[in-house]
Protein backbone atom coordinates (compact mmCIF):
# COMPACT_ATOMS: atom_id res chain seq x y z
CA MET A 1 -15.38 4.32 -2.87
CA SER A 2 -13.22 7.12 -1.31
CA ILE A 3 -9.90 7.70 -2.98
CA ALA A 4 -8.65 9.65 0.02
CA ILE A 5 -9.52 6.81 2.18
CA ALA A 6 -7.57 4.37 -0.30
CA ILE A 7 -4.44 6.51 -0.34
CA ALA A 8 -4.56 7.17 3.41
CA ALA A 9 -4.95 3.44 4.42
CA GLY A 10 -2.77 2.32 1.63
CA ALA A 11 0.44 4.62 3.05
CA ALA A 12 -0.46 3.70 6.58
CA SER A 13 -0.42 -0.03 5.47
CA ALA A 14 3.06 0.46 3.86
CA VAL A 15 4.33 2.32 7.36
CA ALA A 16 3.07 -0.92 9.19
CA TYR A 17 4.57 -3.40 6.69
CA GLY A 18 7.84 -1.53 6.72
CA ALA A 19 8.38 -1.46 10.42
CA GLY A 20 7.21 -5.22 10.60
CA THR A 21 9.80 -6.25 7.64
CA ALA A 22 12.62 -4.33 9.69
CA GLY A 23 11.93 -6.62 12.91
CA GLN A 24 11.08 -9.78 11.14
CA HIS A 25 14.65 -9.78 9.16
CA ALA A 26 16.41 -8.82 12.37
CA ALA A 27 14.96 -11.68 14.20
CA ALA A 28 14.77 -14.36 11.27
CA HIS A 29 18.05 -13.84 9.61
CA THR A 30 20.53 -16.52 10.79
CA GLY A 31 23.37 -16.03 8.44
CA HIS A 32 23.89 -19.73 7.81
CA GLY A 33 22.61 -19.61 4.13
CA LYS A 34 20.18 -22.15 4.44
CA PRO A 35 16.42 -22.53 5.69
CA ASP A 36 16.49 -23.75 9.31
CA ALA A 37 12.86 -25.08 10.22
CA GLY A 38 13.46 -25.23 14.18
CA ARG A 39 14.60 -21.56 13.98
CA LEU A 40 11.48 -20.79 11.79
CA ALA A 41 9.29 -22.47 14.73
CA ASP A 42 11.16 -20.57 17.37
CA LEU A 43 10.41 -17.54 15.95
CA LEU A 44 6.79 -18.21 17.32
CA ARG A 45 8.31 -17.60 20.71
CA ASN A 46 10.64 -14.64 19.94
CA PRO A 47 8.87 -11.17 21.33
CA ARG A 48 10.61 -9.02 18.50
CA TRP A 49 9.38 -11.42 15.69
CA LEU A 50 5.84 -11.32 17.17
CA ALA A 51 5.98 -7.52 17.73
CA ALA A 52 6.85 -7.07 13.87
CA THR A 53 4.39 -9.69 12.74
CA ALA A 54 1.55 -7.78 14.58
CA GLY A 55 2.57 -4.57 12.68
CA ASP A 56 2.07 -7.01 9.30
CA VAL A 57 -1.38 -7.74 10.71
CA LEU A 58 -2.20 -4.14 10.98
CA GLY A 59 -0.89 -3.49 7.47
CA VAL A 60 -3.04 -6.15 6.11
CA ALA A 61 -6.07 -4.77 7.98
CA LEU A 62 -5.09 -1.37 6.28
CA GLN A 63 -4.46 -2.86 2.73
CA ILE A 64 -8.24 -4.47 2.98
CA LEU A 65 -9.59 -1.04 3.84
CA ALA A 66 -7.49 0.55 1.13
CA LEU A 67 -8.66 -2.05 -1.53
CA GLY A 68 -12.28 -1.51 -0.59
CA ASN A 69 -12.06 2.28 -1.24
CA GLY A 70 -9.66 2.21 -4.15
CA PRO A 71 -8.40 0.29 -7.47
CA VAL A 72 -5.74 -2.01 -7.31
CA VAL A 73 -3.41 -0.01 -9.76
CA LEU A 74 -3.61 2.79 -7.17
CA VAL A 75 -3.41 1.24 -3.78
CA GLN A 76 -0.72 -1.47 -4.49
CA PRO A 77 2.21 0.72 -5.60
CA LEU A 78 1.88 2.62 -2.21
CA LEU A 79 3.16 -0.32 -0.80
CA VAL A 80 6.63 0.61 -2.02
CA LEU A 81 6.88 2.91 0.69
CA ALA A 82 7.43 0.01 3.01
CA LEU A 83 11.21 -0.02 2.24
CA PRO A 84 12.12 3.79 3.09
CA VAL A 85 10.00 2.93 6.41
CA ALA A 86 12.15 -0.37 6.86
CA VAL A 87 15.43 1.74 6.43
CA ALA A 88 14.22 4.57 8.90
CA VAL A 89 13.32 2.19 11.53
CA ARG A 90 16.05 -0.36 11.12
CA SER A 91 18.23 1.11 13.91
CA TRP A 92 15.54 0.09 16.46
CA PHE A 93 16.67 -3.43 15.79
CA GLY A 94 20.48 -2.75 16.08
CA GLU A 95 21.04 -1.96 12.58
CA PRO A 96 22.90 1.43 11.53
CA PRO A 97 20.67 4.46 11.13
CA PRO A 98 19.96 6.07 7.54
CA SER A 99 22.87 7.41 5.78
CA HIS A 100 22.74 10.25 3.39
CA ARG A 101 22.83 7.73 0.72
CA ASP A 102 19.96 6.00 2.36
CA LEU A 103 18.01 9.43 2.56
CA LEU A 104 18.75 10.25 -1.26
CA ASN A 105 17.39 6.82 -2.26
CA CYS A 106 14.43 7.33 -0.11
CA ALA A 107 13.90 10.45 -1.97
CA LEU A 108 14.23 8.61 -5.50
CA VAL A 109 11.61 6.14 -4.33
CA ILE A 110 9.19 8.79 -3.58
CA VAL A 111 9.98 10.70 -6.95
CA ALA A 112 9.43 7.48 -8.86
CA LEU A 113 6.11 6.95 -7.13
CA GLY A 114 5.04 10.45 -7.86
CA GLY A 115 5.98 10.10 -11.58
CA PHE A 116 3.92 6.67 -11.69
CA PHE A 117 0.67 8.46 -10.07
CA ALA A 118 1.22 11.65 -12.48
CA LEU A 119 1.22 9.10 -15.66
CA LEU A 120 -1.46 7.37 -14.17
CA GLY A 121 -3.97 10.09 -13.33
CA GLU A 122 -7.46 9.53 -11.38
CA PRO A 123 -7.96 5.70 -11.73
CA ALA A 124 -11.19 4.25 -12.09
CA ARG A 125 -12.37 0.88 -10.24
CA GLY A 126 -12.84 -1.85 -12.91
CA ARG A 127 -15.08 -5.18 -12.33
CA ILE A 128 -14.43 -7.68 -9.73
CA ILE A 129 -12.17 -10.94 -10.64
CA GLY A 130 -14.50 -13.91 -11.52
CA ALA A 131 -14.26 -17.42 -9.89
CA GLY A 132 -12.75 -18.60 -13.30
CA PRO A 133 -10.00 -16.20 -13.57
CA ALA A 134 -9.25 -16.19 -9.97
CA ALA A 135 -8.74 -20.05 -9.94
CA TRP A 136 -6.42 -20.25 -13.02
CA THR A 137 -4.53 -17.16 -11.86
CA THR A 138 -3.91 -18.43 -8.48
CA GLY A 139 -3.08 -22.11 -10.03
CA LEU A 140 -0.55 -20.75 -12.42
CA VAL A 141 1.29 -18.34 -10.01
CA PHE A 142 1.36 -21.15 -7.41
CA LEU A 143 2.46 -23.84 -9.60
CA GLY A 144 5.12 -21.48 -11.14
CA GLY A 145 6.66 -20.09 -7.99
CA ILE A 146 6.92 -23.61 -6.61
CA ALA A 147 8.83 -24.61 -9.97
CA ALA A 148 11.01 -21.74 -9.81
CA ILE A 149 12.03 -22.60 -5.94
CA LEU A 150 12.52 -26.24 -7.00
CA LEU A 151 14.93 -25.29 -9.89
CA THR A 152 17.04 -23.35 -7.74
CA ARG A 153 17.17 -25.61 -4.78
CA ASN A 154 20.66 -26.30 -5.03
CA ARG A 155 22.15 -22.73 -5.93
CA ALA A 156 23.83 -20.22 -3.88
CA PRO A 157 21.94 -18.77 -0.75
CA THR A 158 21.79 -15.35 -2.24
CA LEU A 159 20.23 -16.46 -5.66
CA ARG A 160 17.59 -18.56 -3.28
CA ALA A 161 16.88 -15.59 -1.35
CA VAL A 162 16.23 -13.63 -4.64
CA VAL A 163 13.93 -16.25 -5.98
CA PHE A 164 11.77 -16.66 -2.78
CA GLY A 165 11.47 -12.72 -2.88
CA MET A 166 10.29 -12.94 -6.38
CA VAL A 167 7.73 -15.81 -5.97
CA ALA A 168 6.25 -13.99 -2.87
CA GLY A 169 6.12 -10.72 -4.42
CA SER A 170 4.55 -12.14 -7.39
CA TRP A 171 2.02 -14.01 -5.22
CA PHE A 172 1.38 -10.93 -3.16
CA GLY A 173 0.48 -8.93 -6.20
CA VAL A 174 -2.26 -11.68 -7.24
CA VAL A 175 -3.55 -11.56 -3.42
CA SER A 176 -4.18 -7.81 -3.82
CA VAL A 177 -6.40 -8.43 -6.70
CA LEU A 178 -8.39 -11.34 -4.55
CA ILE A 179 -8.42 -9.25 -1.43
CA GLU A 180 -10.53 -6.72 -3.62
CA ALA A 181 -12.87 -9.16 -4.69
CA VAL A 182 -13.33 -10.82 -1.24
CA SER A 183 -13.64 -7.32 0.65
CA VAL A 184 -16.47 -6.43 -2.07
CA VAL A 185 -18.26 -9.67 -1.54
CA TRP A 186 -18.05 -9.17 2.45
CA GLU A 187 -19.40 -5.76 2.05
CA LYS A 188 -22.33 -6.63 -0.04
CA ASP A 189 -23.41 -9.98 1.27
CA GLY A 190 -21.45 -10.80 4.54
CA LEU A 191 -20.67 -14.39 5.13
CA SER A 192 -23.30 -15.77 2.92
CA GLY A 193 -21.40 -14.29 -0.03
CA PHE A 194 -18.61 -17.07 0.21
CA ASP A 195 -21.20 -19.87 -0.37
CA ASP A 196 -20.89 -19.92 -3.95
CA ALA A 197 -17.76 -19.99 -6.22
CA GLY A 198 -17.86 -16.22 -6.70
CA GLY A 199 -16.69 -15.53 -3.42
CA LEU A 200 -15.21 -18.71 -2.09
CA VAL A 201 -12.59 -19.34 -4.88
CA PRO A 202 -11.01 -15.64 -4.43
CA LEU A 203 -11.10 -16.34 -0.81
CA VAL A 204 -9.32 -19.73 -0.85
CA GLY A 205 -7.11 -18.40 -3.37
CA MET A 206 -6.10 -15.38 -1.22
CA ILE A 207 -5.48 -17.42 1.93
CA VAL A 208 -3.21 -19.94 0.20
CA LEU A 209 -1.03 -17.38 -1.52
CA ALA A 210 -0.74 -15.08 1.34
CA VAL A 211 0.24 -17.79 3.97
CA VAL A 212 2.62 -19.81 1.81
CA GLY A 213 4.10 -16.48 0.55
CA TYR A 214 4.61 -15.26 4.20
CA LEU A 215 6.41 -18.28 4.90
CA LEU A 216 8.48 -17.78 1.88
CA VAL A 217 9.50 -14.36 3.00
CA GLN A 218 10.40 -15.60 6.48
CA ILE A 219 12.79 -18.41 4.64
CA GLY A 220 14.30 -15.53 2.27
CA PHE A 221 15.07 -13.55 5.50
CA GLN A 222 16.76 -16.49 7.03
CA ILE A 223 19.12 -17.49 4.28
CA GLY A 224 20.11 -14.00 2.66
CA PRO A 225 20.32 -10.33 3.42
CA LEU A 226 17.63 -8.17 3.24
CA GLY A 227 18.81 -6.69 -0.02
CA ALA A 228 18.36 -10.08 -1.76
CA SER A 229 14.73 -10.80 -1.05
CA PHE A 230 13.14 -7.83 -0.12
CA PRO A 231 13.60 -5.36 -3.24
CA VAL A 232 12.58 -7.81 -5.69
CA ASN A 233 9.78 -8.59 -3.62
CA LEU A 234 8.57 -5.06 -3.25
CA ILE A 235 8.97 -4.10 -6.80
CA LEU A 236 7.05 -7.30 -8.34
CA ASP A 237 4.31 -7.07 -5.73
CA PRO A 238 2.80 -3.73 -7.30
CA VAL A 239 4.08 -4.58 -11.10
CA VAL A 240 2.09 -7.89 -11.23
CA ALA A 241 -0.97 -5.82 -9.27
CA VAL A 242 -1.17 -3.07 -11.82
CA VAL A 243 -0.83 -5.60 -14.68
CA LEU A 244 -3.65 -7.75 -13.59
CA GLY A 245 -5.53 -4.72 -12.56
CA ALA A 246 -5.51 -3.49 -15.85
CA VAL A 247 -5.78 -7.04 -17.98
CA LEU A 248 -8.23 -8.96 -15.71
CA LEU A 249 -10.17 -6.04 -13.55
CA GLY A 250 -10.18 -3.50 -16.47
CA GLU A 251 -8.92 -0.75 -14.36
CA ARG A 252 -7.64 2.44 -16.36
CA VAL A 253 -4.12 2.54 -17.00
CA PRO A 254 -3.39 5.07 -19.62
CA LEU A 255 -1.00 4.02 -22.46
CA GLY A 256 -1.30 6.69 -24.88
CA GLY A 257 1.66 8.63 -26.25
CA ALA A 258 5.17 8.11 -24.42
CA LYS A 259 3.37 6.91 -21.16
CA VAL A 260 4.80 3.49 -21.39
CA LEU A 261 8.29 4.96 -21.56
CA GLY A 262 7.42 6.95 -18.60
CA TYR A 263 6.21 4.01 -16.69
CA LEU A 264 9.15 2.06 -17.50
CA ALA A 265 11.52 5.10 -16.60
CA CYS A 266 9.87 5.10 -13.20
CA LEU A 267 10.09 1.34 -12.58
CA ALA A 268 13.80 1.74 -13.17
CA VAL A 269 14.48 4.49 -11.01
CA LEU A 270 12.34 2.74 -8.23
CA ALA A 271 14.25 -0.63 -8.94
CA TYR A 272 17.48 1.42 -8.72
CA ALA A 273 16.68 3.07 -5.44
CA THR A 274 15.26 -0.13 -4.01
CA VAL A 275 18.14 -2.24 -4.60
CA ARG A 276 20.32 0.35 -2.95
CA LEU A 277 18.14 0.90 -0.04
CA ALA A 278 18.09 -2.88 0.87
CA GLY A 279 21.67 -3.56 0.14
CA PRO A 280 24.58 -2.84 2.42
CA GLU A 281 26.57 0.27 2.41
CA PRO A 282 29.77 0.63 0.28
CA CYS A 283 32.29 0.53 3.38
CA GLN A 284 30.83 -3.06 4.09
CA ALA A 285 33.38 -5.48 5.17
CA PRO A 286 35.19 -7.36 2.16
CA GLY A 287 34.06 -10.65 1.58
CA ALA A 288 30.28 -10.03 2.93
CA GLU A 289 27.69 -11.29 0.97
CA THR A 290 25.61 -8.66 -1.08
CA ALA A 291 22.69 -8.62 -3.43
CA SER A 292 24.68 -6.68 -6.10
CA ASP A 293 27.64 -8.90 -6.22
CA PRO A 294 27.37 -11.20 -9.26
CA SER A 295 29.94 -13.54 -7.74
CA ALA A 296 27.52 -13.99 -4.61
CA ILE A 297 24.57 -14.74 -6.80
CA LEU A 298 26.42 -17.14 -9.23
CA GLU A 299 28.43 -18.91 -6.54
CA PRO A 300 27.91 -22.87 -6.87
């Protein structure tokens, strides 16, 4: 295990994910407020979407490398850097370049991450998730996510996009825990390590949640603005990963003194900056849909 490799690979993964996200949203967003299966299929022939997806594939490879060298509680929060990267490169896809407000919020994201890591200290790797916990954790988050999507299927497009982002982010947090287990099994035993439940269950859970979650991300991009689905996705992913890393894997997350309040303060700053980064500029044309407009979310 090398913490330096974990940090470098995790940060590089965030860069790849950020560039991919900007391109995918530009290609997938229809502005119609509802999923379009035909348009999703057409994306497979869209060069811009395919190039952006290649960035995601690179991001996955780098994330696997990072999780193979460092604990989940260290690696997964680094992926929040994907949003500042997406904002920085969005002009490549016809969007406005970063404004002064954007740059300020990018700085807040970095400060919040720095604060979290200062409170965390040097994390130690814990145990690898077993077949039983992997199975019930995967099953619970999958069924809970599907239930949330079904309960909001007739609601406003922005709210539905938020829910898609919430579900995908929660699933990706679980995926990071499963990736760590899969990478350790692969390094130790190769393909033969997946002959028993200890390796097979995390592998199957990882594939199911990752593939279906990726599809949910694309649907969220279709039906709502980036500010609806992406911030909540990006925030819940590391939050779920850190909680599971501490509870299921036994990774060290110091909670003594006022550190819990410190974590919450970092999360609040991160959430504030992330929502503002993914949202539109204040000078947006009247009537446009925004993630921060309550009427857009509650509209029947």
